[in-house]
N, C-alpha and C. Protein backbone atom coordinates (compact mmCIF):
# COMPACT_ATOMS: atom_id res chain seq x y z
N MET A 1 -17.23 1.99 -15.20
CA MET A 1 -17.04 0.83 -14.35
C MET A 1 -16.95 1.28 -12.91
N LYS A 2 -17.57 0.54 -12.03
CA LYS A 2 -17.54 0.86 -10.61
C LYS A 2 -17.02 -0.34 -9.83
N THR A 3 -16.46 -0.05 -8.69
CA THR A 3 -16.01 -1.11 -7.79
C THR A 3 -16.33 -0.69 -6.37
N THR A 4 -16.45 -1.66 -5.51
CA THR A 4 -16.68 -1.40 -4.10
C THR A 4 -15.42 -1.80 -3.33
N VAL A 5 -15.00 -0.95 -2.43
CA VAL A 5 -13.81 -1.23 -1.62
C VAL A 5 -14.25 -1.58 -0.21
N GLU A 6 -13.74 -2.69 0.28
CA GLU A 6 -13.98 -3.07 1.68
C GLU A 6 -12.70 -2.79 2.46
N TRP A 7 -12.74 -1.77 3.30
CA TRP A 7 -11.59 -1.43 4.12
C TRP A 7 -11.58 -2.30 5.37
N ILE A 8 -10.41 -2.82 5.71
CA ILE A 8 -10.24 -3.68 6.88
C ILE A 8 -9.27 -3.00 7.82
N ARG A 9 -9.65 -2.92 9.09
CA ARG A 9 -8.76 -2.29 10.08
C ARG A 9 -7.50 -3.13 10.25
N ALA A 10 -6.35 -2.47 10.15
CA ALA A 10 -5.08 -3.18 10.24
C ALA A 10 -4.80 -3.72 11.64
N ASP A 11 -5.47 -3.18 12.65
CA ASP A 11 -5.28 -3.71 14.00
C ASP A 11 -6.23 -4.87 14.30
N GLU A 12 -7.11 -5.21 13.36
CA GLU A 12 -8.04 -6.32 13.55
C GLU A 12 -7.71 -7.54 12.70
N ARG A 13 -7.22 -7.31 11.47
CA ARG A 13 -6.90 -8.43 10.58
C ARG A 13 -5.85 -7.98 9.59
N LEU A 14 -4.95 -8.89 9.24
CA LEU A 14 -3.89 -8.58 8.29
C LEU A 14 -4.10 -9.38 7.00
N PRO A 15 -3.58 -8.88 5.88
CA PRO A 15 -3.71 -9.61 4.61
C PRO A 15 -2.90 -10.90 4.61
N TYR A 16 -3.09 -11.70 3.57
CA TYR A 16 -2.27 -12.91 3.42
C TYR A 16 -0.87 -12.51 2.96
N ASP A 17 0.09 -13.36 3.21
CA ASP A 17 1.48 -13.08 2.87
C ASP A 17 1.63 -12.87 1.36
N GLY A 18 2.28 -11.77 0.99
CA GLY A 18 2.53 -11.47 -0.41
C GLY A 18 1.41 -10.73 -1.10
N ALA A 19 0.34 -10.42 -0.37
CA ALA A 19 -0.82 -9.76 -0.98
C ALA A 19 -0.46 -8.37 -1.48
N GLY A 20 -0.88 -8.06 -2.70
CA GLY A 20 -0.81 -6.70 -3.22
C GLY A 20 -2.07 -5.98 -2.76
N ILE A 21 -1.92 -4.91 -2.03
CA ILE A 21 -3.07 -4.24 -1.41
C ILE A 21 -2.94 -2.73 -1.59
N VAL A 22 -3.99 -2.02 -1.24
CA VAL A 22 -3.89 -0.59 -1.04
C VAL A 22 -4.01 -0.37 0.46
N ALA A 23 -3.24 0.56 0.97
CA ALA A 23 -3.20 0.80 2.41
C ALA A 23 -3.48 2.26 2.70
N ALA A 24 -4.28 2.50 3.73
CA ALA A 24 -4.49 3.86 4.24
C ALA A 24 -3.37 4.11 5.25
N VAL A 25 -2.55 5.10 4.94
CA VAL A 25 -1.34 5.38 5.71
C VAL A 25 -1.47 6.76 6.35
N THR A 26 -1.09 6.86 7.61
CA THR A 26 -1.09 8.16 8.27
C THR A 26 0.29 8.44 8.84
N GLY A 27 0.61 9.73 8.92
CA GLY A 27 1.89 10.18 9.43
C GLY A 27 1.97 11.69 9.36
N ARG A 28 3.18 12.19 9.33
CA ARG A 28 3.40 13.63 9.25
C ARG A 28 4.54 13.88 8.27
N TYR A 29 4.32 14.83 7.34
CA TYR A 29 5.39 15.20 6.41
C TYR A 29 6.52 15.84 7.21
N PRO A 30 7.77 15.58 6.82
CA PRO A 30 8.88 16.23 7.51
C PRO A 30 8.78 17.74 7.36
N GLY A 31 9.17 18.45 8.38
CA GLY A 31 9.10 19.90 8.34
C GLY A 31 10.42 20.55 8.72
N GLU A 32 10.61 21.74 8.20
CA GLU A 32 11.78 22.55 8.51
C GLU A 32 11.30 23.94 8.89
N PRO A 33 11.97 24.61 9.82
CA PRO A 33 11.53 25.94 10.26
C PRO A 33 11.44 26.96 9.13
N ASP A 34 12.26 26.84 8.10
CA ASP A 34 12.29 27.82 7.01
C ASP A 34 11.34 27.49 5.87
N ASP A 35 10.55 26.43 5.99
CA ASP A 35 9.66 26.02 4.91
C ASP A 35 8.53 27.02 4.70
N ASP A 36 8.09 27.08 3.47
CA ASP A 36 6.94 27.91 3.09
C ASP A 36 5.71 27.42 3.87
N PRO A 37 4.99 28.31 4.55
CA PRO A 37 3.83 27.89 5.35
C PRO A 37 2.72 27.25 4.52
N ASP A 38 2.70 27.49 3.21
CA ASP A 38 1.68 26.90 2.34
C ASP A 38 2.09 25.51 1.83
N SER A 39 3.29 25.07 2.16
CA SER A 39 3.73 23.75 1.70
C SER A 39 3.13 22.67 2.60
N LEU A 40 3.41 21.43 2.28
CA LEU A 40 2.93 20.31 3.10
C LEU A 40 3.83 20.05 4.30
N SER A 41 4.89 20.81 4.41
CA SER A 41 5.87 20.62 5.47
C SER A 41 5.23 20.58 6.86
N GLY A 42 5.50 19.50 7.57
CA GLY A 42 5.04 19.37 8.95
C GLY A 42 3.58 19.00 9.11
N GLN A 43 2.83 18.92 8.02
CA GLN A 43 1.41 18.62 8.13
C GLN A 43 1.16 17.12 8.28
N GLU A 44 0.11 16.80 9.04
CA GLU A 44 -0.32 15.41 9.14
C GLU A 44 -0.99 15.01 7.83
N PHE A 45 -0.94 13.71 7.51
CA PHE A 45 -1.61 13.22 6.32
C PHE A 45 -2.25 11.86 6.60
N TRP A 46 -3.20 11.53 5.77
CA TRP A 46 -3.81 10.20 5.73
C TRP A 46 -4.13 9.97 4.27
N LEU A 47 -3.46 9.03 3.64
CA LEU A 47 -3.61 8.82 2.21
C LEU A 47 -3.54 7.35 1.85
N VAL A 48 -3.88 7.03 0.62
CA VAL A 48 -3.91 5.65 0.15
C VAL A 48 -2.70 5.40 -0.75
N LEU A 49 -1.99 4.30 -0.49
CA LEU A 49 -0.82 3.92 -1.27
C LEU A 49 -0.90 2.44 -1.63
N PRO A 50 -0.40 2.07 -2.82
CA PRO A 50 -0.31 0.64 -3.14
C PRO A 50 0.88 0.03 -2.40
N MET A 51 0.70 -1.18 -1.89
CA MET A 51 1.76 -1.85 -1.12
C MET A 51 1.63 -3.36 -1.23
N TYR A 52 2.58 -4.02 -0.63
CA TYR A 52 2.55 -5.46 -0.44
C TYR A 52 2.61 -5.73 1.05
N PHE A 53 2.10 -6.89 1.44
CA PHE A 53 2.17 -7.29 2.84
C PHE A 53 3.07 -8.51 2.96
N ARG A 54 3.90 -8.51 4.00
CA ARG A 54 4.79 -9.65 4.24
C ARG A 54 4.65 -10.12 5.69
N ARG A 55 4.42 -11.40 5.87
CA ARG A 55 4.42 -11.99 7.22
C ARG A 55 5.84 -12.00 7.77
N VAL A 56 6.80 -12.34 6.90
CA VAL A 56 8.21 -12.34 7.27
C VAL A 56 8.96 -11.62 6.16
N HIS A 57 9.65 -10.53 6.53
CA HIS A 57 10.37 -9.71 5.55
C HIS A 57 11.84 -9.62 5.95
N PRO A 58 12.72 -10.34 5.23
CA PRO A 58 14.15 -10.23 5.54
C PRO A 58 14.73 -8.93 4.99
N VAL A 59 15.55 -8.26 5.78
CA VAL A 59 16.22 -7.04 5.36
C VAL A 59 17.62 -7.43 4.92
N ASP A 60 17.86 -7.36 3.62
CA ASP A 60 19.13 -7.82 3.06
C ASP A 60 20.34 -7.12 3.66
N GLU A 61 20.24 -5.80 3.86
CA GLU A 61 21.39 -5.02 4.33
C GLU A 61 21.83 -5.39 5.74
N THR A 62 20.88 -5.75 6.60
CA THR A 62 21.22 -5.98 8.01
C THR A 62 21.04 -7.43 8.46
N GLY A 63 20.33 -8.21 7.66
CA GLY A 63 20.04 -9.58 8.07
C GLY A 63 18.87 -9.67 9.05
N GLU A 64 18.30 -8.52 9.41
CA GLU A 64 17.17 -8.48 10.33
C GLU A 64 15.94 -9.12 9.67
N ILE A 65 15.09 -9.72 10.48
CA ILE A 65 13.82 -10.27 10.02
C ILE A 65 12.70 -9.42 10.63
N ILE A 66 11.85 -8.87 9.77
CA ILE A 66 10.73 -8.05 10.23
C ILE A 66 9.45 -8.84 9.99
N GLU A 67 8.59 -8.90 10.98
CA GLU A 67 7.35 -9.65 10.86
C GLU A 67 6.16 -8.72 10.70
N ASN A 68 5.18 -9.18 9.90
CA ASN A 68 3.91 -8.49 9.70
C ASN A 68 4.08 -7.01 9.37
N CYS A 69 4.60 -6.77 8.18
CA CYS A 69 4.82 -5.39 7.74
C CYS A 69 4.26 -5.16 6.35
N PHE A 70 4.01 -3.91 6.06
CA PHE A 70 3.58 -3.46 4.75
C PHE A 70 4.77 -2.76 4.11
N TYR A 71 5.02 -3.00 2.80
CA TYR A 71 6.12 -2.28 2.15
C TYR A 71 5.69 -1.83 0.76
N ASP A 72 6.26 -0.71 0.33
CA ASP A 72 5.88 -0.16 -0.96
C ASP A 72 7.01 -0.32 -1.97
N SER A 73 6.78 0.17 -3.18
CA SER A 73 7.76 -0.01 -4.26
C SER A 73 9.06 0.74 -4.01
N ASP A 74 9.05 1.71 -3.10
CA ASP A 74 10.28 2.42 -2.74
C ASP A 74 11.03 1.73 -1.61
N GLY A 75 10.50 0.61 -1.14
CA GLY A 75 11.15 -0.13 -0.06
C GLY A 75 10.86 0.41 1.32
N VAL A 76 9.90 1.32 1.44
CA VAL A 76 9.53 1.87 2.75
C VAL A 76 8.69 0.84 3.48
N ILE A 77 9.07 0.55 4.71
CA ILE A 77 8.35 -0.43 5.53
C ILE A 77 7.50 0.32 6.54
N ARG A 78 6.24 -0.11 6.63
CA ARG A 78 5.30 0.47 7.60
C ARG A 78 4.64 -0.66 8.37
N PHE A 79 4.20 -0.34 9.58
CA PHE A 79 3.57 -1.34 10.44
C PHE A 79 2.11 -1.01 10.66
N PRO A 80 1.33 -2.02 11.05
CA PRO A 80 -0.08 -1.76 11.36
C PRO A 80 -0.20 -0.84 12.57
N VAL A 81 -1.23 0.01 12.55
CA VAL A 81 -1.51 0.88 13.68
C VAL A 81 -1.65 0.03 14.95
N GLY A 82 -1.22 0.58 16.06
CA GLY A 82 -1.29 -0.16 17.32
C GLY A 82 0.00 -0.88 17.66
N ARG A 83 0.88 -0.97 16.69
CA ARG A 83 2.18 -1.59 16.90
C ARG A 83 3.22 -0.48 17.04
N PRO A 84 4.18 -0.61 17.93
CA PRO A 84 5.18 0.45 18.07
C PRO A 84 5.85 0.75 16.72
N ALA A 85 5.86 2.02 16.34
CA ALA A 85 6.46 2.40 15.06
C ALA A 85 6.86 3.87 15.10
N ASP A 86 7.92 4.18 14.41
CA ASP A 86 8.33 5.57 14.21
C ASP A 86 7.77 6.00 12.87
N GLY A 87 7.12 7.13 12.82
CA GLY A 87 6.66 7.66 11.53
C GLY A 87 5.31 7.13 11.10
N GLU A 88 5.24 6.70 9.86
CA GLU A 88 3.98 6.35 9.22
C GLU A 88 3.48 4.98 9.65
N VAL A 89 2.15 4.86 9.78
CA VAL A 89 1.54 3.57 10.10
C VAL A 89 0.36 3.32 9.16
N VAL A 90 0.01 2.05 9.01
CA VAL A 90 -1.13 1.63 8.20
C VAL A 90 -2.34 1.50 9.12
N THR A 91 -3.39 2.25 8.82
CA THR A 91 -4.61 2.19 9.63
C THR A 91 -5.59 1.17 9.10
N HIS A 92 -5.69 1.06 7.77
CA HIS A 92 -6.63 0.15 7.11
C HIS A 92 -5.97 -0.39 5.84
N TRP A 93 -6.50 -1.47 5.32
CA TRP A 93 -6.04 -1.99 4.05
C TRP A 93 -7.22 -2.58 3.29
N ALA A 94 -7.05 -2.70 1.98
CA ALA A 94 -8.08 -3.29 1.12
C ALA A 94 -7.40 -4.04 -0.02
N GLU A 95 -8.07 -5.04 -0.52
CA GLU A 95 -7.55 -5.74 -1.68
C GLU A 95 -7.55 -4.80 -2.87
N MET A 96 -6.59 -4.98 -3.77
CA MET A 96 -6.58 -4.20 -5.00
C MET A 96 -7.83 -4.54 -5.79
N PRO A 97 -8.40 -3.56 -6.47
CA PRO A 97 -9.54 -3.89 -7.34
C PRO A 97 -9.07 -4.72 -8.53
N THR A 98 -10.00 -5.39 -9.17
CA THR A 98 -9.64 -6.14 -10.37
C THR A 98 -9.41 -5.17 -11.53
N LEU A 99 -8.69 -5.62 -12.51
CA LEU A 99 -8.44 -4.81 -13.70
C LEU A 99 -9.74 -4.61 -14.46
N PRO A 100 -9.90 -3.47 -15.15
CA PRO A 100 -11.15 -3.17 -15.85
C PRO A 100 -11.58 -4.31 -16.78
N GLY A 101 -12.83 -4.73 -16.64
CA GLY A 101 -13.40 -5.75 -17.51
C GLY A 101 -12.91 -7.16 -17.26
N THR A 102 -12.21 -7.39 -16.13
CA THR A 102 -11.69 -8.73 -15.84
C THR A 102 -12.01 -9.10 -14.40
N ASP A 103 -11.66 -10.33 -14.05
CA ASP A 103 -11.73 -10.73 -12.65
C ASP A 103 -10.33 -10.96 -12.09
N ALA A 104 -9.32 -10.39 -12.79
CA ALA A 104 -7.92 -10.55 -12.42
C ALA A 104 -7.35 -9.26 -11.84
N ARG A 105 -6.41 -9.42 -10.95
CA ARG A 105 -5.71 -8.26 -10.38
C ARG A 105 -4.34 -8.06 -11.04
N ARG A 106 -3.92 -9.07 -11.80
CA ARG A 106 -2.62 -8.99 -12.46
C ARG A 106 -2.68 -9.85 -13.72
N ILE A 107 -2.22 -9.30 -14.84
CA ILE A 107 -2.12 -10.03 -16.09
C ILE A 107 -0.71 -9.82 -16.61
N LEU A 108 -0.07 -10.87 -17.03
CA LEU A 108 1.32 -10.81 -17.47
C LEU A 108 1.48 -11.37 -18.88
N GLY A 109 2.54 -10.93 -19.55
CA GLY A 109 2.96 -11.53 -20.82
C GLY A 109 2.01 -11.34 -21.98
N ASP A 110 1.83 -12.41 -22.75
CA ASP A 110 1.05 -12.36 -23.98
C ASP A 110 -0.43 -12.07 -23.75
N ASP A 111 -0.92 -12.21 -22.53
CA ASP A 111 -2.34 -11.96 -22.25
C ASP A 111 -2.65 -10.48 -22.03
N VAL A 112 -1.63 -9.63 -21.91
CA VAL A 112 -1.84 -8.21 -21.61
C VAL A 112 -2.54 -7.49 -22.76
N ARG A 113 -2.00 -7.55 -23.96
CA ARG A 113 -2.57 -6.80 -25.10
C ARG A 113 -4.03 -7.17 -25.36
N PRO A 114 -4.39 -8.47 -25.41
CA PRO A 114 -5.81 -8.79 -25.62
C PRO A 114 -6.71 -8.25 -24.49
N ALA A 115 -6.23 -8.27 -23.25
CA ALA A 115 -7.03 -7.76 -22.13
C ALA A 115 -7.21 -6.25 -22.26
N LEU A 116 -6.16 -5.54 -22.67
CA LEU A 116 -6.28 -4.09 -22.87
C LEU A 116 -7.27 -3.77 -23.98
N ARG A 117 -7.20 -4.51 -25.08
CA ARG A 117 -8.14 -4.29 -26.20
C ARG A 117 -9.57 -4.56 -25.76
N ALA A 118 -9.78 -5.63 -25.01
CA ALA A 118 -11.14 -5.97 -24.54
C ALA A 118 -11.68 -4.88 -23.62
N ALA A 119 -10.83 -4.35 -22.74
CA ALA A 119 -11.27 -3.31 -21.80
C ALA A 119 -11.57 -2.00 -22.53
N ALA A 120 -10.90 -1.77 -23.66
CA ALA A 120 -11.13 -0.56 -24.43
C ALA A 120 -12.30 -0.74 -25.41
N GLY A 121 -12.85 -1.95 -25.46
CA GLY A 121 -13.98 -2.22 -26.35
C GLY A 121 -13.59 -2.35 -27.80
N ARG A 122 -12.37 -2.76 -28.06
CA ARG A 122 -11.90 -2.90 -29.45
C ARG A 122 -11.77 -4.34 -29.85
């Protein structure tokens, strides 16, 4: 099975609120002077991570409201490139591909097992 990914620049257009997306994230791994030089310590990176997009994201701990942010399953919040940010930023984003053999990006409950069997050709 093949899919085509359309990457969208995060400084040109943002996803719809609540969208599950993949994001191209850039930043730098934390480094320490005593780290092994062959480790990822201190190196720049650009990688793809699954995330959600929120137009308005309330922070429960502080009551702060954050607008137009990307967040991952670990609760890390990142902003689109071009916006003031410390650390990692999102350069591009794309819609999640559909599940194998379907036109859906998410299947829940009793429909999961039949979809898995169909995708496995059973």
